[in-house]
Protein backbone atom coordinates (compact mmCIF):
# COMPACT_ATOMS: atom_id res chain seq x y z
CA MET A 1 308.43 225.88 37.09
CA ARG A 2 305.09 224.48 37.89
CA LEU A 3 303.78 223.53 34.68
CA SER A 4 300.07 223.96 34.46
CA LYS A 5 300.14 227.43 35.02
CA LEU A 6 302.06 228.03 31.85
CA ALA A 7 299.42 225.71 30.21
CA PHE A 8 296.88 227.94 31.40
CA ILE A 9 298.31 230.86 29.90
CA LEU A 10 298.85 229.20 26.50
CA ALA A 11 295.43 227.88 26.58
CA LEU A 12 294.21 231.44 27.12
CA GLY A 13 296.50 233.05 24.47
CA LEU A 14 297.73 236.74 24.31
CA LEU A 15 295.19 239.36 23.75
CA PRO A 16 293.65 240.47 21.39
CA SER A 17 292.94 237.00 19.95
CA LEU A 18 292.14 235.34 23.35
CA SER A 19 291.47 231.63 22.82
CA PHE A 20 289.84 229.17 25.15
CA ALA A 21 291.46 225.84 23.50
CA GLN A 22 290.15 222.40 24.35
CA LYS A 23 287.31 223.91 26.26
CA ASP A 24 284.66 223.54 23.82
CA LYS A 25 282.87 220.53 25.63
CA LYS A 26 282.36 220.05 29.22
CA ALA A 27 284.41 217.18 30.54
CA PRO A 28 282.75 214.88 33.54
CA GLN A 29 284.62 215.76 36.81
CA ASN A 30 286.04 212.30 36.80
CA TRP A 31 286.55 211.85 32.89
CA PHE A 32 290.60 210.97 33.41
CA ASN A 33 289.27 207.71 35.33
CA LEU A 34 286.68 206.83 32.90
CA ASP A 35 286.85 204.45 29.85
CA PHE A 36 286.24 205.27 26.20
CA GLN A 37 283.93 202.36 25.24
CA GLN A 38 281.71 202.89 28.25
CA ASP A 39 281.78 206.81 28.62
CA GLY A 40 282.99 208.19 25.47
CA VAL A 41 286.01 210.05 26.77
CA MET A 42 289.68 209.17 26.69
CA GLY A 43 290.24 208.60 30.36
CA ILE A 44 292.54 205.58 31.29
CA SER A 45 289.70 203.14 32.58
CA THR A 46 290.76 203.27 36.08
CA GLU A 47 287.25 202.58 37.37
CA LYS A 48 286.84 199.76 34.77
CA ALA A 49 289.80 198.02 36.09
CA TYR A 50 288.49 198.39 39.74
CA ASN A 51 285.15 197.16 38.98
CA THR A 52 286.21 194.09 36.97
CA LEU A 53 289.85 193.01 37.07
CA LEU A 54 290.92 194.03 40.51
CA LYS A 55 287.76 193.50 42.43
CA GLY A 56 288.39 191.48 45.68
CA ARG A 57 292.25 191.62 45.30
CA LYS A 58 294.68 192.81 47.93
CA ALA A 59 296.98 195.33 47.69
CA THR A 60 300.08 196.73 49.40
CA PRO A 61 300.37 200.45 50.06
CA ILE A 62 302.93 202.17 47.81
CA ILE A 63 304.82 205.52 48.76
CA VAL A 64 304.71 208.13 46.14
CA ALA A 65 306.57 211.19 46.45
CA VAL A 66 305.18 214.50 45.04
CA ILE A 67 307.89 216.88 44.35
CA ASP A 68 306.26 220.12 43.87
CA GLY A 69 305.25 223.32 45.12
CA GLY A 70 303.51 222.01 48.51
CA VAL A 71 300.84 219.71 49.48
CA ASP A 72 297.95 220.83 51.61
CA VAL A 73 298.06 218.10 54.42
CA GLN A 74 294.80 219.14 56.19
CA HIS A 75 292.79 218.55 52.77
CA GLU A 76 289.58 216.49 53.68
CA ASP A 77 290.47 214.15 50.69
CA LEU A 78 294.21 213.85 51.11
CA LYS A 79 294.52 213.80 54.89
CA ASP A 80 293.92 210.05 54.98
CA VAL A 81 296.43 209.32 52.01
CA LEU A 82 299.46 211.03 53.48
CA TRP A 83 302.81 209.15 54.12
CA THR A 84 303.65 209.67 57.68
CA ASN A 85 307.11 209.26 59.13
CA THR A 86 306.22 207.37 62.31
CA ASN A 87 309.69 207.89 63.84
CA ASP A 88 309.64 211.38 63.48
CA ASN A 89 306.03 212.43 63.55
CA ASN A 90 305.81 215.21 66.46
CA ASP A 91 306.79 218.71 66.76
CA ASN A 92 309.45 218.73 69.45
CA GLY A 93 312.14 220.28 67.40
CA LYS A 94 314.44 216.96 67.51
CA ASP A 95 315.54 214.77 64.77
CA ASN A 96 314.17 211.70 66.42
CA ASP A 97 315.11 209.15 63.76
CA LYS A 98 318.46 211.01 63.36
CA ASN A 99 317.91 211.28 59.04
CA GLY A 100 319.01 214.90 59.19
CA TYR A 101 315.49 216.36 59.00
CA VAL A 102 313.85 217.36 61.97
CA ASN A 103 310.23 216.55 62.43
CA ASP A 104 309.95 215.19 58.90
CA LYS A 105 306.30 214.16 59.74
CA HIS A 106 305.08 213.96 55.95
CA GLY A 107 308.17 214.95 53.86
CA TRP A 108 310.30 217.93 53.69
CA ASN A 109 310.51 221.54 52.58
CA PHE A 110 313.76 222.33 50.76
CA ILE A 111 312.81 225.70 50.13
CA GLY A 112 312.39 227.18 53.54
CA ASN A 113 314.53 227.81 56.41
CA ALA A 114 314.91 226.53 60.02
CA ASN A 115 313.05 229.59 61.43
CA GLY A 116 309.92 228.76 59.08
CA GLU A 117 310.38 231.04 56.47
CA ASN A 118 309.64 229.85 53.02
CA VAL A 119 310.70 230.99 49.54
CA ASN A 120 307.56 231.56 47.28
CA GLN A 121 308.81 233.58 44.29
CA ASP A 122 312.07 233.10 42.50
CA ASN A 123 313.78 233.47 39.12
CA LEU A 124 313.62 231.49 35.98
CA GLU A 125 316.65 229.55 35.49
CA LEU A 126 317.23 231.38 32.56
CA THR A 127 317.53 234.79 34.60
CA ARG A 128 319.70 233.18 37.18
CA GLN A 129 322.09 232.16 34.12
CA ILE A 130 322.29 235.57 32.79
CA ARG A 131 322.86 237.01 36.06
CA LYS A 132 325.70 234.49 36.52
CA PHE A 133 327.48 234.98 33.25
CA GLU A 134 326.68 238.72 32.41
CA PRO A 135 329.46 240.25 34.42
CA LYS A 136 331.92 238.14 32.59
CA TYR A 137 330.64 238.47 29.00
CA ILE A 138 328.44 241.49 28.59
CA SER A 139 331.09 243.65 27.03
CA VAL A 140 332.94 240.73 25.08
CA LEU A 141 333.13 241.19 21.41
CA PRO A 142 333.45 238.62 18.72
CA SER A 143 337.13 239.56 18.38
CA THR A 144 337.90 239.00 22.17
CA PRO A 145 340.17 236.07 22.86
CA LEU A 146 338.37 233.20 24.62
CA SER A 147 339.21 229.75 25.26
CA ALA A 148 337.15 226.99 23.83
CA ALA A 149 335.11 226.46 27.10
CA GLU A 150 334.53 230.39 27.28
CA ARG A 151 333.54 230.43 23.60
CA ARG A 152 330.99 227.94 24.28
CA GLU A 153 329.57 229.65 27.27
CA PHE A 154 329.72 233.00 25.38
CA VAL A 155 327.74 231.65 22.58
CA ALA A 156 325.21 230.08 25.03
CA TYR A 157 324.82 233.56 26.86
CA GLN A 158 323.97 235.26 23.81
CA GLY A 159 321.24 232.88 23.07
CA MET A 160 319.96 233.43 26.60
CA VAL A 161 319.99 237.05 26.24
CA SER A 162 318.02 237.07 23.05
CA GLU A 163 315.51 234.47 24.68
CA TYR A 164 315.30 236.77 27.68
CA ALA A 165 314.38 239.84 25.88
CA ARG A 166 311.63 237.88 23.84
CA LYS A 167 310.22 236.65 27.18
CA LEU A 168 310.35 239.93 28.72
CA GLU A 169 308.52 241.67 25.78
CA GLU A 170 305.81 239.17 26.19
CA ALA A 171 305.53 239.48 29.72
CA GLN A 172 305.14 243.17 29.41
CA PHE A 173 302.74 242.85 26.63
CA GLY A 174 300.63 240.48 28.70
CA GLN A 175 300.71 242.37 31.89
CA LEU A 176 299.47 245.65 29.99
CA ASN A 177 296.78 243.99 28.05
CA TYR A 178 295.53 241.54 30.78
CA GLY A 179 295.70 244.53 33.15
CA LYS A 180 293.75 246.81 31.01
CA LEU A 181 291.31 244.03 30.62
CA LYS A 182 290.78 243.34 34.07
CA GLU A 183 290.21 247.13 34.71
CA GLN A 184 287.58 247.49 32.12
CA LEU A 185 285.92 244.26 33.24
CA ASP A 186 285.95 245.69 36.88
CA ASN A 187 284.22 248.90 35.80
CA ILE A 188 281.68 247.18 33.77
CA PHE A 189 280.98 244.75 36.54
CA ILE A 190 280.53 248.00 38.99
CA LYS A 191 278.21 249.57 36.41
CA ILE A 192 276.11 246.42 36.24
CA GLY A 193 275.96 246.18 39.97
CA LYS A 194 276.57 242.77 40.35
CA ASP A 195 279.80 240.77 41.52
CA THR A 196 281.05 237.82 39.57
CA SER A 197 279.26 235.11 41.64
CA ALA A 198 275.87 236.69 40.54
CA LEU A 199 276.68 237.79 36.99
CA THR A 200 275.32 236.02 34.03
CA LEU A 201 276.17 235.83 30.60
CA ALA A 202 272.85 237.85 29.86
CA ASP A 203 273.87 240.67 32.01
CA ILE A 204 276.99 240.93 29.84
CA GLU A 205 275.03 240.49 26.44
CA ASN A 206 272.76 243.34 27.81
CA TYR A 207 275.37 245.77 28.72
CA GLN A 208 275.39 249.01 26.49
CA THR A 209 279.04 249.92 25.73
CA THR A 210 280.08 253.48 25.85
CA THR A 211 283.84 253.24 24.60
CA ASP A 212 285.90 250.99 22.09
CA GLN A 213 287.76 249.81 25.03
CA GLU A 214 284.24 248.49 26.49
CA LYS A 215 283.48 246.68 23.42
CA MET A 216 286.64 244.83 23.13
CA ALA A 217 286.21 243.69 26.69
CA ILE A 218 282.62 242.73 26.44
CA ARG A 219 283.50 240.71 23.09
CA ILE A 220 286.30 238.79 24.89
CA ALA A 221 284.27 238.31 27.80
CA LYS A 222 281.39 237.02 26.04
CA LYS A 223 283.57 234.32 24.35
CA GLY A 224 285.44 233.43 27.40
CA ILE A 225 282.32 233.24 29.41
CA GLN A 226 280.56 230.93 26.54
CA GLU A 227 283.46 228.65 26.80
CA GLU A 228 283.77 228.54 30.56
CA LYS A 229 280.05 228.32 31.36
CA SER A 230 280.57 230.86 34.11
CA VAL A 231 281.39 234.46 34.54
CA GLY A 232 283.28 233.64 37.70
CA LYS A 233 285.43 231.08 36.09
CA PHE A 234 286.17 233.20 33.08
CA TYR A 235 287.10 236.32 35.40
CA SER A 236 289.36 234.19 37.89
CA GLN A 237 291.45 233.24 34.40
CA ILE A 238 291.83 236.81 33.56
CA ALA A 239 292.77 237.89 37.13
CA ASP A 240 295.03 234.94 37.09
CA ALA A 241 296.88 235.92 33.94
CA ASN A 242 297.06 239.32 35.20
CA ILE A 243 299.11 238.01 38.37
CA TYR A 244 301.03 235.57 36.09
CA PHE A 245 302.48 238.16 33.82
CA GLY A 246 303.29 240.35 37.04
CA ASP A 247 305.27 237.87 38.57
CA GLN A 248 307.28 237.22 35.52
CA ILE A 249 308.24 240.88 35.46
CA ASN A 250 308.69 241.28 39.30
CA TYR A 251 310.32 237.97 40.03
CA HIS A 252 310.91 235.46 37.30
CA LEU A 253 312.48 237.85 34.69
CA ASN A 254 313.98 240.32 37.38
CA LYS A 255 317.70 239.98 37.43
CA GLU A 256 317.94 242.19 40.70
CA PHE A 257 315.54 239.55 42.60
CA ASP A 258 317.29 236.62 44.36
CA PRO A 259 315.62 235.13 47.17
CA ARG A 260 318.15 232.35 47.82
CA TYR A 261 319.34 233.97 51.15
CA ILE A 262 316.27 233.11 52.95
CA ILE A 263 317.17 229.34 52.79
CA GLY A 264 320.48 229.90 54.46
CA ASP A 265 322.58 227.19 52.56
CA ASN A 266 325.60 227.44 50.62
CA TYR A 267 323.90 227.34 47.03
CA GLU A 268 327.07 226.38 45.36
CA ASP A 269 327.60 223.40 47.50
CA ALA A 270 325.55 220.44 45.77
CA ASN A 271 326.52 218.03 48.29
CA GLU A 272 324.59 220.04 51.11
CA ARG A 273 321.91 217.99 52.10
CA TYR A 274 320.38 219.00 55.54
CA TYR A 275 318.72 222.36 55.01
CA GLY A 276 314.99 223.50 54.94
CA ASN A 277 312.08 222.86 57.26
CA PRO A 278 309.13 220.40 57.51
CA ASP A 279 306.33 222.71 56.46
CA VAL A 280 305.39 220.75 53.24
CA THR A 281 302.40 223.03 52.46
CA GLY A 282 304.14 226.35 52.34
CA PRO A 283 302.39 229.65 50.92
CA ASP A 284 301.18 228.38 47.88
CA ALA A 285 300.06 224.75 47.70
CA LEU A 286 297.63 224.83 44.93
CA HIS A 287 299.76 223.04 42.19
CA GLY A 288 301.17 220.18 44.58
CA THR A 289 297.72 219.73 45.98
CA HIS A 290 296.00 219.35 42.64
CA VAL A 291 298.90 216.91 41.66
CA ALA A 292 298.33 214.85 44.67
CA GLY A 293 294.49 214.58 44.36
CA ILE A 294 294.95 213.06 41.09
CA ILE A 295 297.60 210.52 42.17
CA GLY A 296 295.58 209.23 45.15
CA ALA A 297 292.65 211.39 46.48
CA LYS A 298 290.96 209.05 48.69
CA ARG A 299 288.67 206.98 46.78
CA ASN A 300 284.99 206.07 47.35
CA ASN A 301 284.60 208.20 50.40
CA GLY A 302 281.77 210.31 49.43
CA ILE A 303 283.64 213.58 49.13
CA GLY A 304 285.63 215.14 46.52
CA ILE A 305 287.14 212.99 43.89
CA ASN A 306 288.82 209.71 43.24
CA GLY A 307 292.47 209.60 42.58
CA VAL A 308 293.80 206.97 40.42
CA ALA A 309 295.63 204.77 43.15
CA ASP A 310 293.61 203.18 45.97
CA HIS A 311 296.38 202.05 48.22
CA VAL A 312 298.71 205.08 48.13
CA GLN A 313 300.72 207.15 50.73
CA ILE A 314 301.63 210.63 49.70
CA MET A 315 305.05 211.97 50.49
CA ALA A 316 305.20 215.67 50.09
CA LEU A 317 308.39 217.36 49.00
CA ARG A 318 308.39 221.11 48.97
CA THR A 319 310.81 221.96 46.22
CA VAL A 320 309.10 223.91 43.23
CA PRO A 321 308.46 227.73 43.89
CA ASN A 322 306.52 230.16 41.53
CA GLY A 323 309.46 230.52 39.18
CA ASP A 324 312.02 227.77 38.31
CA GLU A 325 313.18 224.96 40.65
CA ARG A 326 316.77 224.80 41.59
CA ASP A 327 318.90 221.60 40.70
CA LYS A 328 320.46 221.34 44.18
CA ASP A 329 316.66 221.21 45.76
CA VAL A 330 315.53 218.68 43.02
CA ALA A 331 318.48 216.28 43.64
CA ASN A 332 317.80 216.51 47.42
CA SER A 333 314.31 215.92 46.99
CA ILE A 334 314.78 212.85 44.81
CA ARG A 335 317.31 211.60 47.30
CA TYR A 336 315.10 212.13 50.35
CA ALA A 337 312.16 210.12 48.55
CA ALA A 338 314.49 207.29 47.68
CA GLU A 339 315.76 206.86 51.31
CA ASN A 340 312.41 206.94 52.84
CA GLY A 341 310.68 204.44 51.01
CA ALA A 342 309.03 206.03 47.80
CA LYS A 343 308.65 203.59 44.92
CA VAL A 344 307.07 206.18 42.51
CA ILE A 345 308.39 209.90 42.24
CA ASN A 346 305.98 212.63 40.38
CA MET A 347 307.95 215.44 38.89
CA SER A 348 305.23 218.11 37.72
CA PHE A 349 307.80 220.68 36.74
CA GLY A 350 310.51 221.68 34.25
CA LYS A 351 312.55 224.36 32.84
CA SER A 352 314.72 225.04 29.62
CA TYR A 353 318.02 225.25 31.36
CA ALA A 354 320.04 223.28 33.75
CA TYR A 355 322.34 224.73 36.48
CA ASN A 356 324.06 221.59 37.80
CA LYS A 357 322.56 218.67 35.86
CA LYS A 358 325.44 216.45 37.39
CA ALA A 359 323.93 216.50 40.86
CA VAL A 360 320.25 215.84 39.34
CA ASP A 361 321.86 212.93 37.41
CA GLU A 362 323.54 211.65 40.42
CA ALA A 363 320.38 211.89 42.18
CA ILE A 364 318.41 209.97 39.65
CA LYS A 365 321.03 207.20 39.46
CA PHE A 366 320.52 206.74 43.43
CA ALA A 367 316.70 206.45 43.07
CA LEU A 368 317.05 203.92 40.31
CA SER A 369 319.27 201.91 42.70
CA LYS A 370 316.47 201.89 45.23
CA ASP A 371 314.21 200.49 42.62
CA VAL A 372 312.46 203.98 42.28
CA LEU A 373 309.85 204.85 39.07
CA LEU A 374 310.47 208.34 38.06
CA VAL A 375 307.54 210.09 36.28
CA HIS A 376 308.28 213.60 34.57
CA ALA A 377 305.90 216.00 33.05
CA ALA A 378 306.95 216.59 29.44
CA GLY A 379 306.29 220.54 29.42
CA ASN A 380 303.76 222.93 28.10
CA ASP A 381 305.50 224.82 25.38
CA GLY A 382 303.80 223.01 22.24
CA GLN A 383 307.46 222.00 21.38
CA ASP A 384 309.46 218.95 20.20
CA VAL A 385 311.52 218.26 23.25
CA ASP A 386 313.81 215.88 21.32
CA ILE A 387 315.12 219.44 20.02
CA HIS A 388 314.00 221.76 22.98
CA LYS A 389 315.27 220.46 26.38
CA ASN A 390 312.85 220.29 29.28
CA TYR A 391 314.94 219.58 32.52
CA PRO A 392 315.34 217.37 34.35
CA THR A 393 315.49 214.67 31.64
CA LYS A 394 316.09 210.85 31.36
CA TYR A 395 319.26 211.42 29.52
CA PHE A 396 322.60 211.50 31.61
CA THR A 397 325.19 213.97 29.99
CA ASP A 398 328.85 214.80 30.42
CA SER A 399 330.26 218.11 30.77
CA LEU A 400 329.83 218.76 26.75
CA ASP A 401 326.08 217.67 27.22
CA ALA A 402 326.90 214.37 25.31
CA ILE A 403 324.52 211.59 26.24
CA GLN A 404 326.07 208.96 28.60
CA GLY A 405 323.33 206.53 29.05
CA GLU A 406 319.80 207.04 30.12
CA ALA A 407 317.37 206.39 33.23
CA ASP A 408 315.72 202.90 32.54
CA ALA A 409 312.81 203.50 34.91
CA TRP A 410 311.68 206.98 33.72
CA ILE A 411 308.63 207.94 32.05
CA THR A 412 307.95 211.41 30.25
CA VAL A 413 304.19 212.28 30.04
CA GLY A 414 302.59 214.43 27.37
CA ALA A 415 299.16 215.46 27.83
CA SER A 416 295.86 214.40 25.94
CA GLY A 417 292.41 215.47 25.74
CA LEU A 418 289.05 213.88 26.09
CA TYR A 419 288.01 212.97 22.47
CA GLN A 420 289.41 211.12 19.57
CA ASP A 421 289.67 214.12 17.43
CA ASP A 422 292.22 216.41 15.83
CA ASP A 423 292.71 217.82 19.31
CA LEU A 424 293.70 214.62 21.13
CA VAL A 425 296.95 215.71 21.87
CA ALA A 426 296.50 218.97 24.16
CA ASP A 427 297.81 222.02 22.20
CA PHE A 428 300.21 223.20 24.79
CA SER A 429 301.66 219.66 25.12
CA ASN A 430 305.29 219.13 24.41
CA TYR A 431 305.90 216.00 22.50
CA GLY A 432 309.01 214.03 21.09
CA TYR A 433 309.54 210.79 19.32
CA LYS A 434 312.62 209.89 21.46
CA THR A 435 311.82 211.77 24.50
CA VAL A 436 308.02 211.78 25.53
CA ASP A 437 307.19 208.19 26.24
CA VAL A 438 303.43 208.14 26.74
CA PHE A 439 300.49 210.68 26.89
CA ALA A 440 297.72 211.03 29.52
CA PRO A 441 294.56 212.88 30.45
CA GLY A 442 296.05 216.70 31.18
CA VAL A 443 292.94 218.94 29.99
CA GLN A 444 290.07 220.05 32.39
CA ILE A 445 291.38 217.70 35.03
CA TYR A 446 289.32 218.49 38.57
CA SER A 447 291.17 217.63 41.64
CA THR A 448 291.93 218.86 45.08
CA VAL A 449 293.01 222.37 45.88
CA PRO A 450 293.82 223.94 49.26
CA ASP A 451 291.38 224.52 52.02
CA SER A 452 289.33 221.14 51.13
CA LYS A 453 288.35 222.88 47.86
CA TYR A 454 288.46 221.68 44.31
CA LYS A 455 288.96 223.01 40.68
CA GLU A 456 290.00 222.36 37.14
CA GLU A 457 293.58 222.62 35.89
CA GLN A 458 295.09 221.63 32.77
CA GLY A 459 298.74 220.91 31.75
CA THR A 460 301.23 218.40 31.66
CA SER A 461 301.43 218.67 35.24
CA MET A 462 298.14 217.02 35.41
CA ALA A 463 299.03 214.06 32.89
CA SER A 464 302.16 213.15 34.92
CA PRO A 465 300.33 212.21 38.08
CA VAL A 466 297.85 210.31 36.26
CA VAL A 467 300.82 208.08 35.20
CA ALA A 468 302.32 208.26 38.55
CA GLY A 469 298.94 207.03 40.16
CA LEU A 470 298.82 204.24 37.45
CA ALA A 471 302.49 202.99 38.46
CA ALA A 472 301.31 203.03 42.07
CA LEU A 473 298.30 200.95 41.27
CA ILE A 474 300.18 198.56 39.52
CA ARG A 475 303.13 198.26 42.21
CA SER A 476 300.46 198.05 44.93
CA TYR A 477 298.90 195.06 43.26
CA TYR A 478 301.74 193.49 41.94
CA PRO A 479 304.70 194.57 44.66
CA GLN A 480 307.04 192.00 43.06
CA LEU A 481 307.47 194.15 39.99
CA THR A 482 310.49 196.21 39.98
CA ALA A 483 310.41 199.82 38.63
CA LYS A 484 311.43 199.07 35.41
CA GLU A 485 308.91 196.19 35.03
CA THR A 486 306.29 198.51 35.91
CA LYS A 487 307.37 201.00 33.21
CA ASP A 488 307.42 198.28 30.66
CA ILE A 489 303.85 197.29 31.41
CA ILE A 490 302.47 200.94 31.42
CA LEU A 491 304.45 201.53 28.13
CA LYS A 492 303.39 198.22 26.48
CA SER A 493 299.68 198.60 27.50
CA VAL A 494 298.79 201.88 26.05
CA ILE A 495 295.97 202.64 23.75
CA LYS A 496 296.92 203.39 20.30
CA VAL A 497 294.76 205.60 18.03
CA ASP A 498 294.99 205.05 14.32
CA LYS A 499 294.32 208.66 13.21
CA LYS A 500 296.29 211.98 12.62
CA ILE A 501 296.09 214.51 15.17
CA LYS A 502 297.37 218.28 15.27
CA VAL A 503 300.55 219.24 16.93
CA LYS A 504 302.53 222.77 16.41
CA GLY A 505 305.60 222.42 14.16
CA GLU A 506 308.79 224.43 14.65
CA ASP A 507 307.27 227.20 12.40
CA GLY A 508 304.34 227.60 14.56
CA SER A 509 301.82 226.20 12.27
CA ASN A 510 299.60 223.29 12.76
CA ARG A 511 300.50 220.01 11.23
CA LYS A 512 299.02 216.37 11.41
CA VAL A 513 300.84 213.59 12.72
CA TYR A 514 300.19 209.86 14.00
CA LEU A 515 301.12 209.65 17.89
CA ASP A 516 303.76 207.06 17.21
CA GLU A 517 305.55 210.06 15.24
CA ILE A 518 305.61 212.33 18.49
CA SER A 519 306.20 209.67 21.28
CA VAL A 520 307.97 206.50 21.96
CA THR A 521 304.77 204.25 22.29
CA GLY A 522 302.48 206.18 20.07
CA GLY A 523 299.66 205.86 22.66
CA ILE A 524 297.58 206.95 25.87
CA VAL A 525 297.96 205.22 29.03
CA ASN A 526 295.20 202.76 30.11
CA ALA A 527 294.74 201.10 33.73
CA TYR A 528 292.84 198.22 32.47
CA GLN A 529 294.90 197.24 29.73
CA ALA A 530 297.87 197.58 32.28
CA VAL A 531 296.29 195.34 34.60
CA VAL A 532 295.96 193.00 32.12
CA GLU A 533 299.38 193.19 30.76
CA ALA A 534 300.65 192.85 34.56
CA ASP A 535 298.60 189.23 34.55
CA LYS A 536 300.22 188.19 31.44
CA TYR A 537 303.68 188.99 33.07
CA MET A 538 302.96 187.48 36.38
CA SER A 539 301.66 184.29 34.62
CA LYS A 540 304.97 184.06 32.29
CA THR A 541 307.34 184.39 35.36
CA LYS A 542 305.51 181.84 37.27
CA LYS A 543 306.34 179.17 34.51
C-alpha cells in the first residue's frame, strides 16, 4: 500500500477525537533539505553540502528507480530529470531494444495490460489471503485432522480473520463518521454562502449552530483549520478521509472484488516477466510523483522545489495500486530496475502479509548482484517492526519463515519530524531496533504532485525518498563507491540526538526511548556529514 495515505489517516485520528499530530508549527517548504544549526529544523543539510563541500565538483548521473503508483512524466519540475530508454523511446508499438517491454521510454507499468487499461484499486493482501484460504478452512473445527503444514495455515488464517474483522469495523466506523462530518460541513458552508477557497476561520467561528451535529462539526473544524492554517486544506483532508474509508470497504477489504483479470497474466506464475504497458503515470500518480520530487525535482530552476539529488535520472515503475501491491509485480519491478541500470531503488510501500516472498527475495538478490542499493519505507502503523512485519523486508527467509540471511545493501527508513523535541520521531512511524536502520524527514514534506502542482504529504513514504535521494547524491559524486559502501557511509554519518523521544508501545500508550533503542544507528541521515564521511573513506582507499 502507498504509505502516506495511511499516515494521513493516523495523523487525523478517528472521530470524535480528531487529532492533527505534528502540525503545531508550520514548516519551511524546503525544510527536509535544511540544516539544524543554520535553520533550526532537523533537515538533512542538503543545501549546506552543496554550498560548501560539493561546490565546483563534477558528478555522474545516477538512475533511481521509483517503484510506486505512477509518476507524472509531464510535471514541470520532473520532466528534465527522467530516465529515458534511448533504445526504445518512441511509440511505434515495437520492442526496439528487444528487452521484452514495448516502448518502455521512462520505465514500465506492471499493473496495466497491453490494451492500455490499468488497475487502480486492489485488495489488501490480507483480503487476498483470506479469499485464498477461506474455502479450505472456514468450516474447520479445532478437532479436524490436519497435517502440520495445514495446521500452521489454519492458525494463520484464524489470525487473519480476526484482523480482517477489526479493519472492516474501523473502516465502517470511519466512513460513517467522516461521511457525516463532511455532510454537516457541506451544509454549513452552503448556509454561509462561500466555498472553501473563500471561507475563513472567522466565518466558522461566527456561524450560529442550530443542532448538536453542527456544534460537533464546528468544534472539529475550528481545531483543524487552526492547525492547517487553511479551510481548504482542512476540508480536503476530511474529504480524502471519507474517500479513504470508502475505498477500504468497496475495494481493499471487499472479498468479492478482484481486479487482476485486467492484467491478463497468469498470476500464479511468478516467473512470468513480460506483461503490462508503458503508461508509467496511470490513473493516480499523486503518491509516486510526490516521492519522485523529493528524490530529484530539478534543483535551482526557479520553479517548484529542490529535490535532494542534483544529478539524477528518475526511472518510473508503476507497481503499487490503491490497495496492496502484489509480490510478483514487485519482484519484476526490482528486476527491471536492476537490468536497466538503476543504482538506487526507492520502495515507499509495504504490507503486513507476503504472498510469494521467495519471488521478491530472489529479485532482491539479483539487484544486489547488480550493485543496487534498495531503500524501503518502514511503514506507518506506529509499531515495532521487529515484531510486526512490514513486507518486503531485508531478511531472506525459508518456507517456515526462518531467517536465511539478509540484504547487505538495503536501508529501512523511519520518519522524523522538524524539531528536537518529544515528537522527533513521527507518531505514525514504525520503528525497530534491528529492522529500521535510520530516520529521515517525513512530516509536512512539500513536493511535486500531478499537473505541475505541489502539495504537503507525510509518511515514511516521504522519508524513504529523502534517503534514496541522499544515496543518489553520494553515488553521483563518488561513482567508485559500491551500493554496500554507500549504505555504510549513510549509516555511519547519521546525526544522533541525545534525548528521549515518544513512541507508541505495544499497549498503545506512549513511552520514552532513545533513538538507538528503536533503530540500528540511533540517528537521522545527514547529507553534509555523509559527504564528509565519503571524503574520509576515499582518502583511506587511496593510501
